[in-house]
N, C-alpha and C. Protein backbone atom coordinates (compact mmCIF):
# COMPACT_ATOMS: atom_id res chain seq x y z
N GLY A 1 22.73 -14.60 49.17
CA GLY A 1 22.68 -15.43 50.36
C GLY A 1 21.70 -16.57 50.18
N GLY A 2 22.12 -17.74 50.59
CA GLY A 2 21.26 -18.90 50.56
C GLY A 2 21.09 -19.48 51.94
N LEU A 3 20.64 -20.70 52.00
CA LEU A 3 20.35 -21.37 53.26
C LEU A 3 21.59 -21.46 54.14
N GLU A 4 22.73 -21.81 53.55
CA GLU A 4 23.97 -21.92 54.33
C GLU A 4 24.36 -20.57 54.90
N ALA A 5 24.22 -19.51 54.11
CA ALA A 5 24.56 -18.16 54.58
C ALA A 5 23.63 -17.75 55.72
N MET A 6 22.36 -18.10 55.61
CA MET A 6 21.41 -17.76 56.67
C MET A 6 21.77 -18.50 57.96
N ALA A 7 22.08 -19.78 57.84
CA ALA A 7 22.43 -20.57 59.02
C ALA A 7 23.68 -20.01 59.67
N GLU A 8 24.65 -19.64 58.87
CA GLU A 8 25.91 -19.08 59.38
C GLU A 8 25.68 -17.74 60.08
N ALA A 9 24.79 -16.92 59.53
CA ALA A 9 24.55 -15.57 60.07
C ALA A 9 23.56 -15.56 61.23
N GLY A 10 22.85 -16.67 61.43
CA GLY A 10 21.83 -16.71 62.47
C GLY A 10 22.38 -16.56 63.87
N THR A 11 21.53 -16.13 64.78
CA THR A 11 21.89 -16.02 66.19
C THR A 11 21.89 -17.42 66.80
N PRO A 12 22.93 -17.80 67.53
CA PRO A 12 22.92 -19.11 68.19
C PRO A 12 21.74 -19.23 69.17
N PHE A 13 21.12 -20.39 69.20
CA PHE A 13 19.93 -20.63 70.02
C PHE A 13 20.15 -20.25 71.48
N GLU A 14 21.22 -20.73 72.07
CA GLU A 14 21.48 -20.46 73.50
C GLU A 14 21.61 -18.97 73.77
N GLU A 15 22.23 -18.25 72.87
CA GLU A 15 22.35 -16.79 73.03
C GLU A 15 20.97 -16.14 72.93
N ALA A 16 20.20 -16.57 71.95
CA ALA A 16 18.89 -15.95 71.69
C ALA A 16 17.93 -16.10 72.86
N ILE A 17 17.94 -17.26 73.50
CA ILE A 17 16.96 -17.47 74.57
C ILE A 17 17.34 -16.76 75.87
N HIS A 18 18.55 -16.22 75.91
CA HIS A 18 18.99 -15.54 77.14
C HIS A 18 19.20 -14.04 76.99
N ASN A 19 19.15 -13.49 75.78
CA ASN A 19 19.51 -12.07 75.64
C ASN A 19 18.32 -11.11 75.70
N GLY A 20 17.10 -11.63 75.85
CA GLY A 20 15.94 -10.76 76.05
C GLY A 20 15.39 -10.08 74.81
N ARG A 21 15.97 -10.35 73.64
CA ARG A 21 15.47 -9.74 72.41
C ARG A 21 14.44 -10.65 71.75
N PRO A 22 13.56 -10.09 70.90
CA PRO A 22 12.58 -10.93 70.19
C PRO A 22 13.29 -12.00 69.34
N ILE A 23 12.60 -13.11 69.15
CA ILE A 23 13.19 -14.24 68.44
C ILE A 23 12.29 -14.68 67.28
N VAL A 24 12.91 -14.90 66.13
CA VAL A 24 12.30 -15.62 65.01
C VAL A 24 13.07 -16.93 64.90
N MET A 25 12.37 -18.05 65.00
CA MET A 25 13.01 -19.34 64.82
C MET A 25 12.57 -19.92 63.49
N GLU A 26 13.55 -20.27 62.70
CA GLU A 26 13.27 -20.93 61.43
C GLU A 26 13.80 -22.35 61.51
N PHE A 27 12.89 -23.30 61.36
CA PHE A 27 13.25 -24.71 61.34
C PHE A 27 13.40 -25.12 59.88
N TYR A 28 14.49 -25.77 59.57
CA TYR A 28 14.79 -26.11 58.17
C TYR A 28 15.56 -27.42 58.10
N ARG A 29 15.73 -27.91 56.90
CA ARG A 29 16.58 -29.07 56.61
C ARG A 29 17.35 -28.73 55.34
N PRO A 30 18.65 -28.97 55.32
CA PRO A 30 19.43 -28.63 54.13
C PRO A 30 18.90 -29.25 52.84
N SER A 31 18.29 -30.42 52.92
CA SER A 31 17.78 -31.09 51.72
C SER A 31 16.38 -30.62 51.31
N CYS A 32 15.78 -29.73 52.09
CA CYS A 32 14.43 -29.22 51.81
C CYS A 32 14.49 -28.19 50.69
N GLU A 33 13.90 -28.53 49.56
CA GLU A 33 13.95 -27.63 48.40
C GLU A 33 13.21 -26.32 48.67
N GLN A 34 12.06 -26.40 49.34
CA GLN A 34 11.31 -25.17 49.66
C GLN A 34 12.14 -24.26 50.57
N CYS A 35 12.84 -24.87 51.52
CA CYS A 35 13.69 -24.09 52.42
C CYS A 35 14.76 -23.35 51.63
N ARG A 36 15.37 -24.06 50.68
CA ARG A 36 16.44 -23.47 49.87
C ARG A 36 15.89 -22.33 49.01
N GLU A 37 14.72 -22.56 48.41
CA GLU A 37 14.11 -21.53 47.56
C GLU A 37 13.75 -20.29 48.37
N MET A 38 13.14 -20.47 49.53
CA MET A 38 12.71 -19.34 50.34
C MET A 38 13.90 -18.55 50.90
N SER A 39 15.02 -19.23 51.11
CA SER A 39 16.17 -18.56 51.72
C SER A 39 16.67 -17.40 50.87
N ARG A 40 16.50 -17.49 49.58
CA ARG A 40 16.95 -16.38 48.71
C ARG A 40 16.22 -15.09 49.03
N ALA A 41 14.94 -15.20 49.32
CA ALA A 41 14.14 -14.02 49.66
C ALA A 41 14.27 -13.65 51.14
N LEU A 42 14.47 -14.64 51.99
CA LEU A 42 14.50 -14.39 53.42
C LEU A 42 15.82 -13.87 53.95
N TYR A 43 16.92 -14.16 53.25
CA TYR A 43 18.23 -13.74 53.74
C TYR A 43 18.29 -12.23 53.99
N PRO A 44 17.84 -11.38 53.05
CA PRO A 44 17.86 -9.94 53.34
C PRO A 44 16.98 -9.56 54.53
N LEU A 45 15.86 -10.26 54.69
CA LEU A 45 14.99 -10.01 55.84
C LEU A 45 15.69 -10.38 57.14
N GLU A 46 16.38 -11.50 57.14
CA GLU A 46 17.14 -11.92 58.32
C GLU A 46 18.17 -10.85 58.68
N GLN A 47 18.89 -10.36 57.69
CA GLN A 47 19.91 -9.34 57.94
C GLN A 47 19.29 -8.07 58.52
N ARG A 48 18.18 -7.66 57.95
CA ARG A 48 17.50 -6.44 58.43
C ARG A 48 16.98 -6.64 59.86
N ALA A 49 16.36 -7.79 60.12
CA ALA A 49 15.81 -8.07 61.45
C ALA A 49 16.93 -8.06 62.49
N GLN A 50 18.04 -8.69 62.18
CA GLN A 50 19.14 -8.72 63.13
C GLN A 50 19.70 -7.32 63.35
N GLY A 51 19.73 -6.51 62.31
CA GLY A 51 20.18 -5.13 62.44
C GLY A 51 19.26 -4.30 63.32
N GLU A 52 18.01 -4.75 63.46
CA GLU A 52 17.03 -4.05 64.30
C GLU A 52 16.87 -4.72 65.67
N GLY A 53 17.79 -5.62 66.01
CA GLY A 53 17.78 -6.22 67.34
C GLY A 53 16.96 -7.48 67.50
N VAL A 54 16.56 -8.11 66.41
CA VAL A 54 15.79 -9.35 66.48
C VAL A 54 16.75 -10.53 66.30
N ASN A 55 16.59 -11.54 67.15
CA ASN A 55 17.35 -12.79 66.99
C ASN A 55 16.69 -13.60 65.89
N TRP A 56 17.45 -14.01 64.89
CA TRP A 56 16.94 -14.92 63.86
C TRP A 56 17.72 -16.22 64.05
N VAL A 57 17.03 -17.22 64.56
CA VAL A 57 17.66 -18.49 64.90
C VAL A 57 17.31 -19.53 63.85
N MET A 58 18.32 -20.16 63.30
CA MET A 58 18.14 -21.21 62.30
C MET A 58 18.39 -22.56 62.97
N LEU A 59 17.37 -23.43 62.96
CA LEU A 59 17.50 -24.74 63.59
C LEU A 59 17.32 -25.84 62.55
N ASN A 60 18.40 -26.57 62.30
CA ASN A 60 18.41 -27.65 61.33
C ASN A 60 17.77 -28.88 61.97
N THR A 61 16.65 -29.33 61.43
CA THR A 61 15.94 -30.46 62.02
C THR A 61 16.66 -31.79 61.82
N ASP A 62 17.72 -31.82 61.00
CA ASP A 62 18.54 -33.02 60.88
C ASP A 62 19.49 -33.17 62.06
N ASP A 63 19.68 -32.09 62.81
CA ASP A 63 20.60 -32.10 63.95
C ASP A 63 19.84 -32.61 65.18
N PRO A 64 20.23 -33.77 65.73
CA PRO A 64 19.47 -34.37 66.82
C PRO A 64 19.39 -33.51 68.08
N ARG A 65 20.32 -32.59 68.28
CA ARG A 65 20.26 -31.76 69.49
C ARG A 65 19.06 -30.81 69.49
N TRP A 66 18.48 -30.56 68.30
CA TRP A 66 17.32 -29.66 68.23
C TRP A 66 15.99 -30.41 68.26
N ALA A 67 16.02 -31.74 68.32
CA ALA A 67 14.78 -32.53 68.32
C ALA A 67 13.82 -32.10 69.43
N PRO A 68 14.27 -31.89 70.68
CA PRO A 68 13.32 -31.46 71.71
C PRO A 68 12.67 -30.11 71.38
N VAL A 69 13.42 -29.23 70.72
CA VAL A 69 12.88 -27.90 70.39
C VAL A 69 11.83 -28.01 69.31
N TRP A 70 12.14 -28.71 68.20
CA TRP A 70 11.14 -28.78 67.13
C TRP A 70 9.94 -29.63 67.52
N GLN A 71 10.14 -30.59 68.41
CA GLN A 71 9.00 -31.37 68.90
C GLN A 71 8.12 -30.49 69.79
N TYR A 72 8.72 -29.66 70.64
CA TYR A 72 7.98 -28.75 71.50
C TYR A 72 7.09 -27.81 70.69
N TYR A 73 7.63 -27.30 69.57
CA TYR A 73 6.89 -26.36 68.73
C TYR A 73 6.00 -27.06 67.70
N GLY A 74 5.94 -28.37 67.71
CA GLY A 74 5.05 -29.10 66.82
C GLY A 74 5.40 -28.97 65.36
N VAL A 75 6.68 -28.92 65.05
CA VAL A 75 7.12 -28.80 63.66
C VAL A 75 6.81 -30.11 62.93
N ASP A 76 5.95 -30.02 61.92
CA ASP A 76 5.60 -31.22 61.17
C ASP A 76 5.81 -31.06 59.67
N GLU A 77 6.18 -29.87 59.24
CA GLU A 77 6.57 -29.66 57.84
C GLU A 77 7.55 -28.50 57.79
N LEU A 78 8.31 -28.48 56.72
CA LEU A 78 9.37 -27.47 56.59
C LEU A 78 9.19 -26.66 55.33
N PRO A 79 9.63 -25.42 55.34
CA PRO A 79 10.13 -24.72 56.51
C PRO A 79 9.02 -24.39 57.49
N HIS A 80 9.41 -24.13 58.71
CA HIS A 80 8.47 -23.80 59.79
C HIS A 80 9.04 -22.61 60.55
N PHE A 81 8.20 -21.66 60.86
CA PHE A 81 8.63 -20.47 61.59
C PHE A 81 7.87 -20.36 62.89
N ASP A 82 8.54 -19.90 63.92
CA ASP A 82 7.91 -19.62 65.20
C ASP A 82 8.45 -18.30 65.72
N PHE A 83 7.62 -17.55 66.42
CA PHE A 83 7.99 -16.21 66.88
C PHE A 83 7.87 -16.09 68.38
């Protein structure tokens, strides 16, 4: 699993903020080399967390609809995680 697999498997943001389960938000950019490298190790963790009822939300900072979210959380470098 890589970055694309993680993004595909992630919990949609709107679902995560309304379902009452804990949330891990990962802010990333497809062109971010560190994000791509870390995804190899994080994908199994994402799968395990979701299996235990944790929302793992992947937010692509290149997508303008997430700008208010990453600005709210003060994302200034990638990858960035918030809990």
